[in-house]
Amino acid sequence: MVPNDPRFEPKEPPEDALTHVLGGIGSRAWRYQARIRLAASVEAASSLLPAGSGLLSPSDDGGCLWETGSDSLIDLAAYITRLDLDFTVESPPELRACLERLAERFTAAAAGRPQPAADAAQRPE
């Protein structure tokens, strides 16, 4: 059966459809969208990251830019640090603040200094 008129006009998919889709599910779907410079090549970083975790693109310094996201800053910080790579957070500023709080906590723990109990309202999201 052939319809009387076309239901839609087919369009060409984006040149790199995979990148387009991963960009949507890897970062834009999250409350916090992050841009992180990793001190690793795209190839090295992609071997550490699961598919769908965001977009990796090469940078001029031999590293790469990772565009990703999360609904939780603390989860995003933990995920980044477990990669065991040097990194720089370009955005969001809230992620940098979360990392600063965690760095203070880790420094105190490494030095054996007790920390006061944190109020749940003061914890990073």
PDB file of N, CA and C in Angstrom:
ATOM      1  N   MET A   1       0.836  -1.163   0.000  1.00  0.00           N
ATOM      2  CA  MET A   1       0.000   0.000   0.000  1.00  0.00           C
ATOM      3  C   MET A   1       0.892   1.241   0.000  1.00  0.00           C
ATOM      4  N   VAL A   2       0.543   2.216  -0.799  1.00  0.00           N
ATOM      5  CA  VAL A   2       1.297   3.460  -0.912  1.00  0.00           C
ATOM      6  C   VAL A   2       0.407   4.597  -0.431  1.00  0.00           C
ATOM      7  N   PRO A   3       0.916   5.415   0.514  1.00  0.00           N
ATOM      8  CA  PRO A   3       0.088   6.539   0.970  1.00  0.00           C
ATOM      9  C   PRO A   3      -0.142   7.541  -0.149  1.00  0.00           C
ATOM     10  N   ASN A   4      -1.216   8.318  -0.009  1.00  0.00           N
ATOM     11  CA  ASN A   4      -1.556   9.320  -1.020  1.00  0.00           C
ATOM     12  C   ASN A   4      -0.528  10.438  -1.106  1.00  0.00           C
ATOM     13  N   ASP A   5       0.067  10.747   0.008  1.00  0.00           N
ATOM     14  CA  ASP A   5       1.091  11.791  -0.004  1.00  0.00           C
ATOM     15  C   ASP A   5       2.211  11.387   0.960  1.00  0.00           C
ATOM     16  N   PRO A   6       3.360  11.972   0.802  1.00  0.00           N
ATOM     17  CA  PRO A   6       4.464  11.593   1.689  1.00  0.00           C
ATOM     18  C   PRO A   6       4.173  11.991   3.130  1.00  0.00           C
ATOM     19  N   ARG A   7       4.501  11.103   4.056  1.00  0.00           N
ATOM     20  CA  ARG A   7       4.300  11.369   5.481  1.00  0.00           C
ATOM     21  C   ARG A   7       5.437  12.245   6.029  1.00  0.00           C
ATOM     22  N   PHE A   8       6.587  12.124   5.445  1.00  0.00           N
ATOM     23  CA  PHE A   8       7.731  12.932   5.861  1.00  0.00           C
ATOM     24  C   PHE A   8       8.710  12.960   4.704  1.00  0.00           C
ATOM     25  N   GLU A   9       9.600  13.908   4.773  1.00  0.00           N
ATOM     26  CA  GLU A   9      10.655  13.971   3.776  1.00  0.00           C
ATOM     27  C   GLU A   9      11.927  13.463   4.409  1.00  0.00           C
ATOM     28  N   PRO A  10      12.498  12.419   3.849  1.00  0.00           N
ATOM     29  CA  PRO A  10      13.747  11.893   4.427  1.00  0.00           C
ATOM     30  C   PRO A  10      14.837  12.962   4.417  1.00  0.00           C
ATOM     31  N   LYS A  11      15.622  12.970   5.482  1.00  0.00           N
ATOM     32  CA  LYS A  11      16.749  13.899   5.591  1.00  0.00           C
ATOM     33  C   LYS A  11      18.020  13.098   5.718  1.00  0.00           C
ATOM     34  N   GLU A  12      19.083  13.688   5.269  1.00  0.00           N
ATOM     35  CA  GLU A  12      20.381  13.064   5.445  1.00  0.00           C
ATOM     36  C   GLU A  12      20.767  13.159   6.917  1.00  0.00           C
ATOM     37  N   PRO A  13      21.283  12.078   7.492  1.00  0.00           N
ATOM     38  CA  PRO A  13      21.719  12.168   8.890  1.00  0.00           C
ATOM     39  C   PRO A  13      22.939  13.071   9.000  1.00  0.00           C
ATOM     40  N   PRO A  14      23.212  13.564  10.217  1.00  0.00           N
ATOM     41  CA  PRO A  14      24.426  14.375  10.387  1.00  0.00           C
ATOM     42  C   PRO A  14      25.642  13.584   9.910  1.00  0.00           C
ATOM     43  N   GLU A  15      26.660  14.302   9.488  1.00  0.00           N
ATOM     44  CA  GLU A  15      27.850  13.647   8.959  1.00  0.00           C
ATOM     45  C   GLU A  15      28.410  12.619   9.937  1.00  0.00           C
ATOM     46  N   ASP A  16      28.448  12.982  11.213  1.00  0.00           N
ATOM     47  CA  ASP A  16      28.922  12.046  12.221  1.00  0.00           C
ATOM     48  C   ASP A  16      27.785  11.802  13.205  1.00  0.00           C
ATOM     49  N   ALA A  17      26.860  10.948  12.828  1.00  0.00           N
ATOM     50  CA  ALA A  17      25.661  10.696  13.623  1.00  0.00           C
ATOM     51  C   ALA A  17      26.007  10.155  15.014  1.00  0.00           C
ATOM     52  N   LEU A  18      27.013   9.300  15.116  1.00  0.00           N
ATOM     53  CA  LEU A  18      27.402   8.740  16.408  1.00  0.00           C
ATOM     54  C   LEU A  18      27.819   9.842  17.372  1.00  0.00           C
ATOM     55  N   THR A  19      28.626  10.770  16.908  1.00  0.00           N
ATOM     56  CA  THR A  19      29.057  11.884  17.752  1.00  0.00           C
ATOM     57  C   THR A  19      27.861  12.722  18.181  1.00  0.00           C
ATOM     58  N   HIS A  20      26.938  12.936  17.272  1.00  0.00           N
ATOM     59  CA  HIS A  20      25.736  13.705  17.574  1.00  0.00           C
ATOM     60  C   HIS A  20      24.930  13.039  18.685  1.00  0.00           C
ATOM     61  N   VAL A  21      24.720  11.747  18.587  1.00  0.00           N
ATOM     62  CA  VAL A  21      23.941  11.010  19.590  1.00  0.00           C
ATOM     63  C   VAL A  21      24.679  10.967  20.924  1.00  0.00           C
ATOM     64  N   LEU A  22      25.976  10.643  20.900  1.00  0.00           N
ATOM     65  CA  LEU A  22      26.743  10.572  22.145  1.00  0.00           C
ATOM     66  C   LEU A  22      26.810  11.921  22.840  1.00  0.00           C
ATOM     67  N   GLY A  23      26.842  12.977  22.067  1.00  0.00           N
ATOM     68  CA  GLY A  23      26.844  14.309  22.659  1.00  0.00           C
ATOM     69  C   GLY A  23      25.584  14.562  23.463  1.00  0.00           C
ATOM     70  N   GLY A  24      24.484  14.056  22.989  1.00  0.00           N
ATOM     71  CA  GLY A  24      23.222  14.225  23.699  1.00  0.00           C
ATOM     72  C   GLY A  24      23.133  13.371  24.937  1.00  0.00           C
ATOM     73  N   ILE A  25      23.512  12.108  24.823  1.00  0.00           N
ATOM     74  CA  ILE A  25      23.351  11.231  25.989  1.00  0.00           C
ATOM     75  C   ILE A  25      24.518  11.343  26.957  1.00  0.00           C
ATOM     76  N   GLY A  26      25.654  11.819  26.499  1.00  0.00           N
ATOM     77  CA  GLY A  26      26.823  11.878  27.368  1.00  0.00           C
ATOM     78  C   GLY A  26      26.951  13.145  28.170  1.00  0.00           C
ATOM     79  N   SER A  27      26.243  14.196  27.802  1.00  0.00           N
ATOM     80  CA  SER A  27      26.399  15.416  28.578  1.00  0.00           C
ATOM     81  C   SER A  27      25.110  16.209  28.720  1.00  0.00           C
ATOM     82  N   ARG A  28      24.413  16.443  27.641  1.00  0.00           N
ATOM     83  CA  ARG A  28      23.286  17.362  27.688  1.00  0.00           C
ATOM     84  C   ARG A  28      22.087  16.835  28.467  1.00  0.00           C
ATOM     85  N   ALA A  29      22.038  15.566  28.714  1.00  0.00           N
ATOM     86  CA  ALA A  29      20.916  14.986  29.452  1.00  0.00           C
ATOM     87  C   ALA A  29      21.058  15.186  30.960  1.00  0.00           C
ATOM     88  N   TRP A  30      22.189  15.709  31.411  1.00  0.00           N
ATOM     89  CA  TRP A  30      22.479  15.790  32.831  1.00  0.00           C
ATOM     90  C   TRP A  30      22.259  17.179  33.397  1.00  0.00           C
ATOM     91  N   ARG A  31      22.039  17.248  34.699  1.00  0.00           N
ATOM     92  CA  ARG A  31      21.885  18.525  35.399  1.00  0.00           C
ATOM     93  C   ARG A  31      23.158  19.363  35.283  1.00  0.00           C
ATOM     94  N   TYR A  32      24.317  18.714  35.477  1.00  0.00           N
ATOM     95  CA  TYR A  32      25.596  19.398  35.372  1.00  0.00           C
ATOM     96  C   TYR A  32      26.301  18.929  34.108  1.00  0.00           C
ATOM     97  N   GLN A  33      26.591  19.858  33.230  1.00  0.00           N
ATOM     98  CA  GLN A  33      27.330  19.557  32.009  1.00  0.00           C
ATOM     99  C   GLN A  33      28.758  20.043  32.200  1.00  0.00           C
ATOM    100  N   ALA A  34      29.703  19.157  31.939  1.00  0.00           N
ATOM    101  CA  ALA A  34      31.096  19.472  32.244  1.00  0.00           C
ATOM    102  C   ALA A  34      31.973  19.416  31.002  1.00  0.00           C
ATOM    103  N   ARG A  35      32.980  20.288  30.992  1.00  0.00           N
ATOM    104  CA  ARG A  35      34.046  20.283  29.985  1.00  0.00           C
ATOM    105  C   ARG A  35      35.341  20.122  30.750  1.00  0.00           C
ATOM    106  N   ILE A  36      36.026  19.006  30.494  1.00  0.00           N
ATOM    107  CA  ILE A  36      37.217  18.657  31.258  1.00  0.00           C
ATOM    108  C   ILE A  36      38.360  18.362  30.301  1.00  0.00           C
ATOM    109  N   ARG A  37      39.489  19.030  30.506  1.00  0.00           N
ATOM    110  CA  ARG A  37      40.702  18.748  29.723  1.00  0.00           C
ATOM    111  C   ARG A  37      41.446  17.618  30.406  1.00  0.00           C
ATOM    112  N   LEU A  38      41.704  16.564  29.671  1.00  0.00           N
ATOM    113  CA  LEU A  38      42.440  15.419  30.195  1.00  0.00           C
ATOM    114  C   LEU A  38      43.854  15.421  29.639  1.00  0.00           C
ATOM    115  N   ALA A  39      44.822  15.076  30.467  1.00  0.00           N
ATOM    116  CA  ALA A  39      46.222  14.998  30.036  1.00  0.00           C
ATOM    117  C   ALA A  39      46.473  13.605  29.473  1.00  0.00           C
ATOM    118  N   ALA A  40      45.759  13.307  28.404  1.00  0.00           N
ATOM    119  CA  ALA A  40      45.893  12.022  27.708  1.00  0.00           C
ATOM    120  C   ALA A  40      45.347  12.205  26.299  1.00  0.00           C
ATOM    121  N   SER A  41      45.851  11.407  25.392  1.00  0.00           N
ATOM    122  CA  SER A  41      45.340  11.464  24.029  1.00  0.00           C
ATOM    123  C   SER A  41      43.905  10.939  23.997  1.00  0.00           C
ATOM    124  N   VAL A  42      43.207  11.210  22.934  1.00  0.00           N
ATOM    125  CA  VAL A  42      41.853  10.680  22.761  1.00  0.00           C
ATOM    126  C   VAL A  42      41.879   9.159  22.850  1.00  0.00           C
ATOM    127  N   GLU A  43      42.875   8.553  22.224  1.00  0.00           N
ATOM    128  CA  GLU A  43      42.972   7.091  22.227  1.00  0.00           C
ATOM    129  C   GLU A  43      43.153   6.546  23.641  1.00  0.00           C
ATOM    130  N   ALA A  44      44.061   7.155  24.410  1.00  0.00           N
ATOM    131  CA  ALA A  44      44.307   6.695  25.777  1.00  0.00           C
ATOM    132  C   ALA A  44      43.083   6.925  26.657  1.00  0.00           C
ATOM    133  N   ALA A  45      42.461   8.101  26.545  1.00  0.00           N
ATOM    134  CA  ALA A  45      41.284   8.399  27.363  1.00  0.00           C
ATOM    135  C   ALA A  45      40.113   7.491  27.002  1.00  0.00           C
ATOM    136  N   SER A  46      39.933   7.216  25.717  1.00  0.00           N
ATOM    137  CA  SER A  46      38.799   6.372  25.311  1.00  0.00           C
ATOM    138  C   SER A  46      38.945   4.951  25.825  1.00  0.00           C
ATOM    139  N   SER A  47      40.175   4.516  26.079  1.00  0.00           N
ATOM    140  CA  SER A  47      40.356   3.171  26.627  1.00  0.00           C
ATOM    141  C   SER A  47      39.958   3.112  28.108  1.00  0.00           C
ATOM    142  N   LEU A  48      39.852   4.273  28.766  1.00  0.00           N
ATOM    143  CA  LEU A  48      39.483   4.333  30.185  1.00  0.00           C
ATOM    144  C   LEU A  48      37.999   4.649  30.405  1.00  0.00           C
ATOM    145  N   LEU A  49      37.354   5.171  29.381  1.00  0.00           N
ATOM    146  CA  LEU A  49      35.971   5.622  29.515  1.00  0.00           C
ATOM    147  C   LEU A  49      35.012   4.684  28.789  1.00  0.00           C
ATOM    148  N   PRO A  50      33.867   4.407  29.395  1.00  0.00           N
ATOM    149  CA  PRO A  50      32.887   3.572  28.699  1.00  0.00           C
ATOM    150  C   PRO A  50      32.221   4.349  27.559  1.00  0.00           C
ATOM    151  N   ALA A  51      31.777   3.638  26.559  1.00  0.00           N
ATOM    152  CA  ALA A  51      31.039   4.265  25.462  1.00  0.00           C
ATOM    153  C   ALA A  51      29.813   4.960  26.046  1.00  0.00           C
ATOM    154  N   GLY A  52      29.499   6.113  25.526  1.00  0.00           N
ATOM    155  CA  GLY A  52      28.340   6.845  26.003  1.00  0.00           C
ATOM    156  C   GLY A  52      28.618   7.755  27.176  1.00  0.00           C
ATOM    157  N   SER A  53      29.878   7.834  27.624  1.00  0.00           N
ATOM    158  CA  SER A  53      30.186   8.682  28.770  1.00  0.00           C
ATOM    159  C   SER A  53      30.401  10.137  28.367  1.00  0.00           C
ATOM    160  N   GLY A  54      30.349  10.419  27.104  1.00  0.00           N
ATOM    161  CA  GLY A  54      30.521  11.785  26.635  1.00  0.00           C
ATOM    162  C   GLY A  54      31.318  11.813  25.351  1.00  0.00           C
ATOM    163  N   LEU A  55      31.720  13.002  24.977  1.00  0.00           N
ATOM    164  CA  LEU A  55      32.488  13.198  23.749  1.00  0.00           C
ATOM    165  C   LEU A  55      33.934  13.511  24.071  1.00  0.00           C
ATOM    166  N   LEU A  56      34.830  12.902  23.341  1.00  0.00           N
ATOM    167  CA  LEU A  56      36.255  13.201  23.440  1.00  0.00           C
ATOM    168  C   LEU A  56      36.695  13.847  22.140  1.00  0.00           C
ATOM    169  N   SER A  57      37.438  14.930  22.258  1.00  0.00           N
ATOM    170  CA  SER A  57      37.999  15.552  21.062  1.00  0.00           C
ATOM    171  C   SER A  57      39.443  15.940  21.355  1.00  0.00           C
ATOM    172  N   PRO A  58      40.309  15.816  20.346  1.00  0.00           N
ATOM    173  CA  PRO A  58      41.724  16.134  20.572  1.00  0.00           C
ATOM    174  C   PRO A  58      41.926  17.624  20.812  1.00  0.00           C
ATOM    175  N   SER A  59      42.958  17.944  21.590  1.00  0.00           N
ATOM    176  CA  SER A  59      43.327  19.343  21.783  1.00  0.00           C
ATOM    177  C   SER A  59      44.748  19.546  21.269  1.00  0.00           C
ATOM    178  N   ASP A  60      45.092  20.795  21.056  1.00  0.00           N
ATOM    179  CA  ASP A  60      46.389  21.133  20.458  1.00  0.00           C
ATOM    180  C   ASP A  60      47.580  20.728  21.315  1.00  0.00           C
ATOM    181  N   ASP A  61      47.381  20.559  22.615  1.00  0.00           N
ATOM    182  CA  ASP A  61      48.492  20.243  23.507  1.00  0.00           C
ATOM    183  C   ASP A  61      48.775  18.742  23.622  1.00  0.00           C
ATOM    184  N   GLY A  62      48.114  17.928  22.816  1.00  0.00           N
ATOM    185  CA  GLY A  62      48.317  16.482  22.857  1.00  0.00           C
ATOM    186  C   GLY A  62      47.349  15.768  23.777  1.00  0.00           C
ATOM    187  N   GLY A  63      46.619  16.529  24.580  1.00  0.00           N
ATOM    188  CA  GLY A  63      45.596  15.953  25.443  1.00  0.00           C
ATOM    189  C   GLY A  63      44.265  15.910  24.718  1.00  0.00           C
ATOM    190  N   CYS A  64      43.197  15.907  25.487  1.00  0.00           N
ATOM    191  CA  CYS A  64      41.877  15.899  24.865  1.00  0.00           C
ATOM    192  C   CYS A  64      40.875  16.613  25.754  1.00  0.00           C
ATOM    193  N   LEU A  65      39.764  16.980  25.148  1.00  0.00           N
ATOM    194  CA  LEU A  65      38.649  17.597  25.845  1.00  0.00           C
ATOM    195  C   LEU A  65      37.558  16.554  25.985  1.00  0.00           C
ATOM    196  N   TRP A  66      37.050  16.396  27.201  1.00  0.00           N
ATOM    197  CA  TRP A  66      35.974  15.442  27.485  1.00  0.00           C
ATOM    198  C   TRP A  66      34.745  16.239  27.872  1.00  0.00           C
ATOM    199  N   GLU A  67      33.682  16.112  27.107  1.00  0.00           N
ATOM    200  CA  GLU A  67      32.409  16.745  27.410  1.00  0.00           C
ATOM    201  C   GLU A  67      31.493  15.666  27.952  1.00  0.00           C
ATOM    202  N   THR A  68      31.100  15.831  29.197  1.00  0.00           N
ATOM    203  CA  THR A  68      30.316  14.807  29.883  1.00  0.00           C
ATOM    204  C   THR A  68      29.364  15.489  30.851  1.00  0.00           C
ATOM    205  N   GLY A  69      28.736  14.729  31.714  1.00  0.00           N
ATOM    206  CA  GLY A  69      27.828  15.319  32.678  1.00  0.00           C
ATOM    207  C   GLY A  69      27.356  14.321  33.707  1.00  0.00           C
ATOM    208  N   SER A  70      26.632  14.851  34.687  1.00  0.00           N
ATOM    209  CA  SER A  70      26.084  14.037  35.766  1.00  0.00           C
ATOM    210  C   SER A  70      25.002  14.842  36.469  1.00  0.00           C
ATOM    211  N   ASP A  71      24.137  14.146  37.170  1.00  0.00           N
ATOM    212  CA  ASP A  71      23.165  14.829  38.006  1.00  0.00           C
ATOM    213  C   ASP A  71      23.750  15.162  39.371  1.00  0.00           C
ATOM    214  N   SER A  72      24.942  14.662  39.667  1.00  0.00           N
ATOM    215  CA  SER A  72      25.571  14.859  40.969  1.00  0.00           C
ATOM    216  C   SER A  72      27.017  15.310  40.796  1.00  0.00           C
ATOM    217  N   LEU A  73      27.361  16.423  41.423  1.00  0.00           N
ATOM    218  CA  LEU A  73      28.746  16.908  41.355  1.00  0.00           C
ATOM    219  C   LEU A  73      29.708  15.939  42.013  1.00  0.00           C
ATOM    220  N   ILE A  74      29.329  15.383  43.153  1.00  0.00           N
ATOM    221  CA  ILE A  74      30.220  14.464  43.866  1.00  0.00           C
ATOM    222  C   ILE A  74      30.460  13.199  43.040  1.00  0.00           C
ATOM    223  N   ASP A  75      29.432  12.719  42.356  1.00  0.00           N
ATOM    224  CA  ASP A  75      29.614  11.547  41.494  1.00  0.00           C
ATOM    225  C   ASP A  75      30.530  11.880  40.316  1.00  0.00           C
ATOM    226  N   LEU A  76      30.354  13.057  39.740  1.00  0.00           N
ATOM    227  CA  LEU A  76      31.195  13.472  38.622  1.00  0.00           C
ATOM    228  C   LEU A  76      32.644  13.621  39.071  1.00  0.00           C
ATOM    229  N   ALA A  77      32.861  14.231  40.233  1.00  0.00           N
ATOM    230  CA  ALA A  77      34.219  14.387  40.759  1.00  0.00           C
ATOM    231  C   ALA A  77      34.866  13.030  41.008  1.00  0.00           C
ATOM    232  N   ALA A  78      34.115  12.116  41.600  1.00  0.00           N
ATOM    233  CA  ALA A  78      34.655  10.780  41.869  1.00  0.00           C
ATOM    234  C   ALA A  78      34.993  10.061  40.568  1.00  0.00           C
ATOM    235  N   TYR A  79      34.143  10.209  39.577  1.00  0.00           N
ATOM    236  CA  TYR A  79      34.364   9.541  38.287  1.00  0.00           C
ATOM    237  C   TYR A  79      35.629  10.067  37.613  1.00  0.00           C
ATOM    238  N   ILE A  80      35.785  11.387  37.633  1.00  0.00           N
ATOM    239  CA  ILE A  80      36.962  11.999  36.999  1.00  0.00           C
ATOM    240  C   ILE A  80      38.240  11.541  37.693  1.00  0.00           C
ATOM    241  N   THR A  81      38.248  11.590  39.024  1.00  0.00           N
ATOM    242  CA  THR A  81      39.476  11.276  39.749  1.00  0.00           C
ATOM    243  C   THR A  81      39.848   9.806  39.660  1.00  0.00           C
ATOM    244  N   ARG A  82      38.886   8.946  39.477  1.00  0.00           N
ATOM    245  CA  ARG A  82      39.244   7.529  39.382  1.00  0.00           C
ATOM    246  C   ARG A  82      39.890   7.175  38.044  1.00  0.00           C
ATOM    247  N   LEU A  83      39.875   8.105  37.096  1.00  0.00           N
ATOM    248  CA  LEU A  83      40.572   7.866  35.824  1.00  0.00           C
ATOM    249  C   LEU A  83      42.083   7.857  36.015  1.00  0.00           C
ATOM    250  N   ASP A  84      42.559   8.441  37.113  1.00  0.00           N
ATOM    251  CA  ASP A  84      43.987   8.526  37.421  1.00  0.00           C
ATOM    252  C   ASP A  84      44.756   9.239  36.307  1.00  0.00           C
ATOM    253  N   LEU A  85      44.175  10.351  35.857  1.00  0.00           N
ATOM    254  CA  LEU A  85      44.798  11.217  34.855  1.00  0.00           C
ATOM    255  C   LEU A  85      44.819  12.639  35.401  1.00  0.00           C
ATOM    256  N   ASP A  86      45.822  13.409  35.015  1.00  0.00           N
ATOM    257  CA  ASP A  86      45.787  14.831  35.325  1.00  0.00           C
ATOM    258  C   ASP A  86      44.676  15.449  34.490  1.00  0.00           C
ATOM    259  N   PHE A  87      43.997  16.441  35.057  1.00  0.00           N
ATOM    260  CA  PHE A  87      42.877  17.056  34.355  1.00  0.00           C
ATOM    261  C   PHE A  87      42.704  18.495  34.806  1.00  0.00           C
ATOM    262  N   THR A  88      41.978  19.255  34.001  1.00  0.00           N
ATOM    263  CA  THR A  88      41.598  20.627  34.307  1.00  0.00           C
ATOM    264  C   THR A  88      40.123  20.774  34.007  1.00  0.00           C
ATOM    265  N   VAL A  89      39.378  21.286  34.959  1.00  0.00           N
ATOM    266  CA  VAL A  89      37.948  21.505  34.758  1.00  0.00           C
ATOM    267  C   VAL A  89      37.753  22.876  34.128  1.00  0.00           C
ATOM    268  N   GLU A  90      37.211  22.897  32.923  1.00  0.00           N
ATOM    269  CA  GLU A  90      36.875  24.166  32.271  1.00  0.00           C
ATOM    270  C   GLU A  90      35.526  24.678  32.757  1.00  0.00           C
ATOM    271  N   SER A  91      34.595  23.780  32.950  1.00  0.00           N
ATOM    272  CA  SER A  91      33.271  24.139  33.451  1.00  0.00           C
ATOM    273  C   SER A  91      32.579  22.859  33.941  1.00  0.00           C
ATOM    274  N   PRO A  92      31.657  23.007  34.837  1.00  0.00           N
ATOM    275  CA  PRO A  92      31.108  24.207  35.460  1.00  0.00           C
ATOM    276  C   PRO A  92      31.921  24.618  36.688  1.00  0.00           C
ATOM    277  N   PRO A  93      31.788  25.866  37.113  1.00  0.00           N
ATOM    278  CA  PRO A  93      32.524  26.317  38.296  1.00  0.00           C
ATOM    279  C   PRO A  93      32.120  25.551  39.558  1.00  0.00           C
ATOM    280  N   GLU A  94      30.886  25.069  39.615  1.00  0.00           N
ATOM    281  CA  GLU A  94      30.447  24.292  40.780  1.00  0.00           C
ATOM    282  C   GLU A  94      31.262  23.017  40.946  1.00  0.00           C
ATOM    283  N   LEU A  95      31.710  22.442  39.832  1.00  0.00           N
ATOM    284  CA  LEU A  95      32.535  21.234  39.905  1.00  0.00           C
ATOM    285  C   LEU A  95      33.908  21.567  40.478  1.00  0.00           C
ATOM    286  N   ARG A  96      34.463  22.711  40.080  1.00  0.00           N
ATOM    287  CA  ARG A  96      35.746  23.130  40.658  1.00  0.00           C
ATOM    288  C   ARG A  96      35.621  23.332  42.159  1.00  0.00           C
ATOM    289  N   ALA A  97      34.529  23.950  42.609  1.00  0.00           N
ATOM    290  CA  ALA A  97      34.314  24.161  44.044  1.00  0.00           C
ATOM    291  C   ALA A  97      34.165  22.825  44.772  1.00  0.00           C
ATOM    292  N   CYS A  98      33.478  21.887  44.168  1.00  0.00           N
ATOM    293  CA  CYS A  98      33.323  20.554  44.756  1.00  0.00           C
ATOM    294  C   CYS A  98      34.688  19.883  44.899  1.00  0.00           C
ATOM    295  N   LEU A  99      35.513  19.983  43.873  1.00  0.00           N
ATOM    296  CA  LEU A  99      36.850  19.388  43.922  1.00  0.00           C
ATOM    297  C   LEU A  99      37.715  20.052  44.995  1.00  0.00           C
ATOM    298  N   GLU A 100      37.563  21.368  45.177  1.00  0.00           N
ATOM    299  CA  GLU A 100      38.314  22.064  46.230  1.00  0.00           C
ATOM    300  C   GLU A 100      37.933  21.524  47.605  1.00  0.00           C
ATOM    301  N   ARG A 101      36.636  21.342  47.841  1.00  0.00           N
ATOM    302  CA  ARG A 101      36.185  20.793  49.134  1.00  0.00           C
ATOM    303  C   ARG A 101      36.726  19.380  49.338  1.00  0.00           C
ATOM    304  N   LEU A 102      36.678  18.575  48.286  1.00  0.00           N
ATOM    305  CA  LEU A 102      37.195  17.212  48.395  1.00  0.00           C
ATOM    306  C   LEU A 102      38.708  17.214  48.629  1.00  0.00           C
ATOM    307  N   ALA A 103      39.426  18.127  47.966  1.00  0.00           N
ATOM    308  CA  ALA A 103      40.880  18.211  48.152  1.00  0.00           C
ATOM    309  C   ALA A 103      41.218  18.552  49.600  1.00  0.00           C
ATOM    310  N   GLU A 104      40.465  19.461  50.203  1.00  0.00           N
ATOM    311  CA  GLU A 104      40.687  19.800  51.616  1.00  0.00           C
ATOM    312  C   GLU A 104      40.441  18.574  52.494  1.00  0.00           C
ATOM    313  N   ARG A 105      39.384  17.853  52.213  1.00  0.00           N
ATOM    314  CA  ARG A 105      39.056  16.659  53.003  1.00  0.00           C
ATOM    315  C   ARG A 105      40.134  15.595  52.831  1.00  0.00           C
ATOM    316  N   PHE A 106      40.580  15.366  51.607  1.00  0.00           N
ATOM    317  CA  PHE A 106      41.608  14.345  51.354  1.00  0.00           C
ATOM    318  C   PHE A 106      42.944  14.738  51.987  1.00  0.00           C
ATOM    319  N   THR A 107      43.288  16.024  51.916  1.00  0.00           N
ATOM    320  CA  THR A 107      44.538  16.496  52.513  1.00  0.00           C
ATOM    321  C   THR A 107      44.525  16.275  54.019  1.00  0.00           C
ATOM    322  N   ALA A 108      43.418  16.595  54.663  1.00  0.00           N
ATOM    323  CA  ALA A 108      43.302  16.395  56.110  1.00  0.00           C
ATOM    324  C   ALA A 108      43.368  14.902  56.445  1.00  0.00           C
ATOM    325  N   ALA A 109      42.708  14.081  55.658  1.00  0.00           N
ATOM    326  CA  ALA A 109      42.724  12.636  55.915  1.00  0.00           C
ATOM    327  C   ALA A 109      44.128  12.070  55.740  1.00  0.00           C
ATOM    328  N   ALA A 110      44.843  12.530  54.706  1.00  0.00           N
ATOM    329  CA  ALA A 110      46.196  12.032  54.457  1.00  0.00           C
ATOM    330  C   ALA A 110      47.157  12.455  55.562  1.00  0.00           C
ATOM    331  N   ALA A 111      46.901  13.614  56.176  1.00  0.00           N
ATOM    332  CA  ALA A 111      47.753  14.114  57.254  1.00  0.00           C
ATOM    333  C   ALA A 111      47.349  13.551  58.616  1.00  0.00           C
ATOM    334  N   GLY A 112      46.255  12.789  58.649  1.00  0.00           N
ATOM    335  CA  GLY A 112      45.794  12.218  59.904  1.00  0.00           C
ATOM    336  C   GLY A 112      45.082  13.209  60.800  1.00  0.00           C
ATOM    337  N   ARG A 113      44.622  14.322  60.231  1.00  0.00           N
ATOM    338  CA  ARG A 113      43.892  15.328  61.003  1.00  0.00           C
ATOM    339  C   ARG A 113      42.403  14.980  61.014  1.00  0.00           C
ATOM    340  N   PRO A 114      41.806  14.897  62.188  1.00  0.00           N
ATOM    341  CA  PRO A 114      40.373  14.611  62.237  1.00  0.00           C
ATOM    342  C   PRO A 114      39.570  15.782  61.681  1.00  0.00           C
ATOM    343  N   GLN A 115      38.476  15.469  61.045  1.00  0.00           N
ATOM    344  CA  GLN A 115      37.585  16.478  60.489  1.00  0.00           C
ATOM    345  C   GLN A 115      36.255  16.436  61.237  1.00  0.00           C
ATOM    346  N   PRO A 116      35.654  17.607  61.461  1.00  0.00           N
ATOM    347  CA  PRO A 116      34.337  17.607  62.100  1.00  0.00           C
ATOM    348  C   PRO A 116      33.314  16.946  61.167  1.00  0.00           C
ATOM    349  N   ALA A 117      32.309  16.378  61.758  1.00  0.00           N
ATOM    350  CA  ALA A 117      31.233  15.765  60.963  1.00  0.00           C
ATOM    351  C   ALA A 117      30.589  16.831  60.104  1.00  0.00           C
ATOM    352  N   ALA A 118      30.366  16.496  58.852  1.00  0.00           N
ATOM    353  CA  ALA A 118      29.761  17.454  57.912  1.00  0.00           C
ATOM    354  C   ALA A 118      28.252  17.377  58.003  1.00  0.00           C
ATOM    355  N   ASP A 119      27.637  18.541  57.997  1.00  0.00           N
ATOM    356  CA  ASP A 119      26.189  18.626  57.930  1.00  0.00           C
ATOM    357  C   ASP A 119      25.768  18.224  56.525  1.00  0.00           C
ATOM    358  N   ALA A 120      24.733  17.461  56.391  1.00  0.00           N
ATOM    359  CA  ALA A 120      24.275  16.999  55.078  1.00  0.00           C
ATOM    360  C   ALA A 120      23.985  18.166  54.150  1.00  0.00           C
ATOM    361  N   ALA A 121      23.575  19.308  54.692  1.00  0.00           N
ATOM    362  CA  ALA A 121      23.273  20.463  53.860  1.00  0.00           C
ATOM    363  C   ALA A 121      24.531  21.073  53.249  1.00  0.00           C
ATOM    364  N   GLN A 122      25.707  20.795  53.829  1.00  0.00           N
ATOM    365  CA  GLN A 122      26.949  21.356  53.334  1.00  0.00           C
ATOM    366  C   GLN A 122      27.650  20.443  52.351  1.00  0.00           C
ATOM    367  N   ARG A 123      27.155  19.242  52.188  1.00  0.00           N
ATOM    368  CA  ARG A 123      27.802  18.289  51.288  1.00  0.00           C
ATOM    369  C   ARG A 123      27.521  18.646  49.844  1.00  0.00           C
ATOM    370  N   PRO A 124      28.486  18.380  48.963  1.00  0.00           N
ATOM    371  CA  PRO A 124      28.254  18.632  47.553  1.00  0.00           C
ATOM    372  C   PRO A 124      27.139  17.729  47.036  1.00  0.00           C
ATOM    373  N   GLU A 125      26.447  18.214  46.031  1.00  0.00           N
ATOM    374  CA  GLU A 125      25.357  17.418  45.443  1.00  0.00           C
ATOM    375  C   GLU A 125      25.888  16.228  44.699  1.00  0.00           C
TER     376      GLU A 125
END
